[in-house]
Amino acid sequence: MEGNGFHFPLFVDLNGADVAVIGGGAVAARRAAVLLRFGARVRVVAPELCPGFPEGVEHVCCRYRQCDLGDAVLAVAATDDREVNRRVGEDARARHIPVSVADCPEECTFYFPAVCEGKNVAAGVVSRGSDHRATARAAEKIRRVLEELE
């Protein structure tokens, strides 16, 4: 049976869970901030962090090594280095750790959604492909609806 091109939305409890974010730039910072809001213990592996990186992460100041995935239940590869992102994806998949590879959807085992939060409701939005603008527009509309529910 062939699917419809969409990916199944799955919501998981990350409260107290170890999550590895590889990369210290703006994309990694945004993803780390979302993960922190959902209660994850976020370990960021990067030689340096961009300004405005969220407080509350554990920063491991080094280049990525396979052991940096540690006991993570989820991994995010968000560096500006294609080879490092590929290796993170490969290492995570080999250890059965769900991984989002920011620059290569084909290497992901989950897609990091645009997260929309209301007082008692959370939603995630992803597109079928790489239409980030459509995802952003949909997420903004959903956020407005969730604000109205409160």
Protein backbone atom coordinates (compact mmCIF):
# COMPACT_ATOMS: atom_id res chain seq x y z
CA MET A 1 0.00 0.00 0.00
CA GLU A 2 1.40 3.37 -1.00
CA GLY A 3 1.21 6.37 1.36
CA ASN A 4 -0.06 9.85 0.62
CA GLY A 5 3.30 11.60 0.87
CA PHE A 6 2.68 12.85 4.40
CA HIS A 7 4.51 11.65 7.47
CA PHE A 8 2.62 10.33 10.48
CA PRO A 9 2.52 12.86 13.33
CA LEU A 10 3.74 11.34 16.58
CA PHE A 11 3.85 13.17 19.89
CA VAL A 12 6.27 11.89 22.52
CA ASP A 13 6.94 12.75 26.15
CA LEU A 14 10.39 14.33 26.36
CA ASN A 15 10.08 15.45 29.97
CA GLY A 16 13.45 14.61 31.55
CA ALA A 17 14.67 12.79 28.43
CA ASP A 18 18.21 13.24 27.11
CA VAL A 19 18.32 14.87 23.67
CA ALA A 20 21.48 15.53 21.68
CA VAL A 21 21.64 18.62 19.47
CA ILE A 22 24.72 18.73 17.28
CA GLY A 23 25.52 22.25 16.13
CA GLY A 24 25.76 25.67 17.68
CA GLY A 25 24.15 27.95 15.09
CA ALA A 26 20.75 29.59 14.76
CA VAL A 27 18.88 26.45 13.60
CA ALA A 28 20.33 24.41 16.48
CA ALA A 29 19.44 27.21 18.91
CA ARG A 30 15.80 27.32 17.75
CA ARG A 31 15.45 23.56 17.99
CA ALA A 32 17.12 23.42 21.40
CA ALA A 33 14.73 26.11 22.68
CA VAL A 34 11.70 24.09 21.56
CA LEU A 35 13.06 20.91 23.12
CA LEU A 36 13.70 22.72 26.41
CA ARG A 37 10.09 23.99 26.45
CA PHE A 38 8.96 20.37 26.28
CA GLY A 39 11.10 19.37 29.27
CA ALA A 40 14.02 17.68 27.51
CA ARG A 41 17.52 17.70 28.96
CA VAL A 42 19.37 19.14 25.98
CA ARG A 43 23.05 18.48 25.39
CA VAL A 44 24.50 20.67 22.64
CA VAL A 45 27.72 19.55 20.99
CA ALA A 46 29.52 22.35 19.15
CA PRO A 47 32.87 24.13 19.30
CA GLU A 48 30.96 27.36 20.02
CA LEU A 49 27.40 28.61 20.40
CA CYS A 50 25.85 31.49 18.49
CA PRO A 51 24.71 34.57 20.44
CA GLY A 52 21.26 34.16 21.95
CA PHE A 53 21.50 30.40 22.42
CA PRO A 54 18.91 29.37 25.03
CA GLU A 55 19.99 28.99 28.62
CA GLY A 56 19.49 25.62 30.24
CA VAL A 57 21.39 23.48 27.74
CA GLU A 58 24.49 21.51 28.60
CA HIS A 59 27.19 22.69 26.21
CA VAL A 60 29.86 20.17 25.24
CA CYS A 61 32.51 22.36 23.63
CA CYS A 62 34.00 20.12 20.95
CA ARG A 63 33.51 18.78 17.44
CA TYR A 64 31.04 15.92 17.10
CA ARG A 65 32.13 12.41 18.06
CA GLN A 66 29.89 9.32 17.95
CA CYS A 67 30.05 9.03 21.75
CA ASP A 68 28.35 12.46 21.99
CA LEU A 69 24.99 10.79 21.33
CA GLY A 70 25.36 9.23 24.80
CA ASP A 71 22.00 8.06 26.16
CA ALA A 72 19.99 10.36 23.90
CA VAL A 73 16.47 9.29 23.02
CA LEU A 74 16.39 11.84 20.19
CA ALA A 75 19.09 13.54 18.10
CA VAL A 76 19.17 16.68 15.98
CA ALA A 77 21.93 17.30 13.43
CA ALA A 78 21.99 21.03 12.71
CA THR A 79 25.54 22.04 11.85
CA ASP A 80 26.71 23.96 8.80
CA ASP A 81 28.84 20.97 7.78
CA ARG A 82 27.15 18.44 5.45
CA GLU A 83 29.60 15.68 6.35
CA VAL A 84 29.08 16.08 10.11
CA ASN A 85 25.29 16.11 9.70
CA ARG A 86 25.50 12.96 7.56
CA ARG A 87 27.63 11.21 10.20
CA VAL A 88 25.26 12.20 13.02
CA GLY A 89 22.32 10.80 11.04
CA GLU A 90 24.20 7.60 10.27
CA ASP A 91 25.37 7.11 13.87
CA ALA A 92 21.92 7.81 15.32
CA ARG A 93 20.16 5.47 12.89
CA ALA A 94 22.68 2.71 13.69
CA ARG A 95 21.80 3.10 17.39
CA HIS A 96 18.03 3.32 16.68
CA ILE A 97 17.89 6.91 17.93
CA PRO A 98 15.32 8.99 16.03
CA VAL A 99 17.21 11.75 14.22
CA SER A 100 16.37 14.96 12.40
CA VAL A 101 19.03 16.05 9.92
CA ALA A 102 18.39 19.72 9.22
CA ASP A 103 19.94 19.87 5.76
CA CYS A 104 18.83 16.50 4.34
CA PRO A 105 15.25 15.24 4.78
CA GLU A 106 16.20 11.89 3.20
CA GLU A 107 18.50 11.18 6.16
CA CYS A 108 15.84 11.94 8.81
CA THR A 109 13.93 9.34 10.73
CA PHE A 110 11.68 12.11 12.07
CA TYR A 111 10.94 15.62 10.89
CA PHE A 112 11.29 18.49 13.33
CA PRO A 113 7.96 20.31 13.06
CA ALA A 114 7.00 23.93 13.35
CA VAL A 115 5.59 23.78 16.89
CA CYS A 116 2.40 25.62 17.76
CA GLU A 117 1.47 25.89 21.41
CA GLY A 118 -1.65 27.07 23.17
CA LYS A 119 -2.57 26.92 26.83
CA ASN A 120 -3.72 23.29 26.70
CA VAL A 121 -3.03 22.29 23.09
CA ALA A 122 0.12 21.67 21.07
CA ALA A 123 0.34 21.05 17.33
CA GLY A 124 3.18 20.30 14.98
CA VAL A 125 3.27 21.21 11.29
CA VAL A 126 5.39 19.69 8.51
CA SER A 127 4.99 19.71 4.74
CA ARG A 128 5.26 16.85 2.27
CA GLY A 129 8.55 18.15 1.00
CA SER A 130 10.71 21.20 1.35
CA ASP A 131 8.03 23.91 1.18
CA HIS A 132 9.17 25.71 4.33
CA ARG A 133 7.14 28.81 3.49
CA ALA A 134 3.88 26.85 3.36
CA THR A 135 4.76 25.23 6.68
CA ALA A 136 5.52 28.61 8.26
CA ARG A 137 2.25 30.12 6.95
CA ALA A 138 0.20 27.19 8.23
CA ALA A 139 1.94 27.26 11.61
CA GLU A 140 1.25 30.98 12.02
CA LYS A 141 -2.45 30.46 11.30
CA ILE A 142 -2.62 27.57 13.74
CA ARG A 143 -0.89 29.65 16.44
CA ARG A 144 -3.55 32.35 16.00
CA VAL A 145 -6.33 29.79 16.36
CA LEU A 146 -4.73 28.35 19.50
CA GLU A 147 -4.44 31.85 21.00
CA GLU A 148 -8.16 32.37 20.41
CA LEU A 149 -8.99 29.15 22.28
CA GLU A 150 -7.49 30.44 25.52
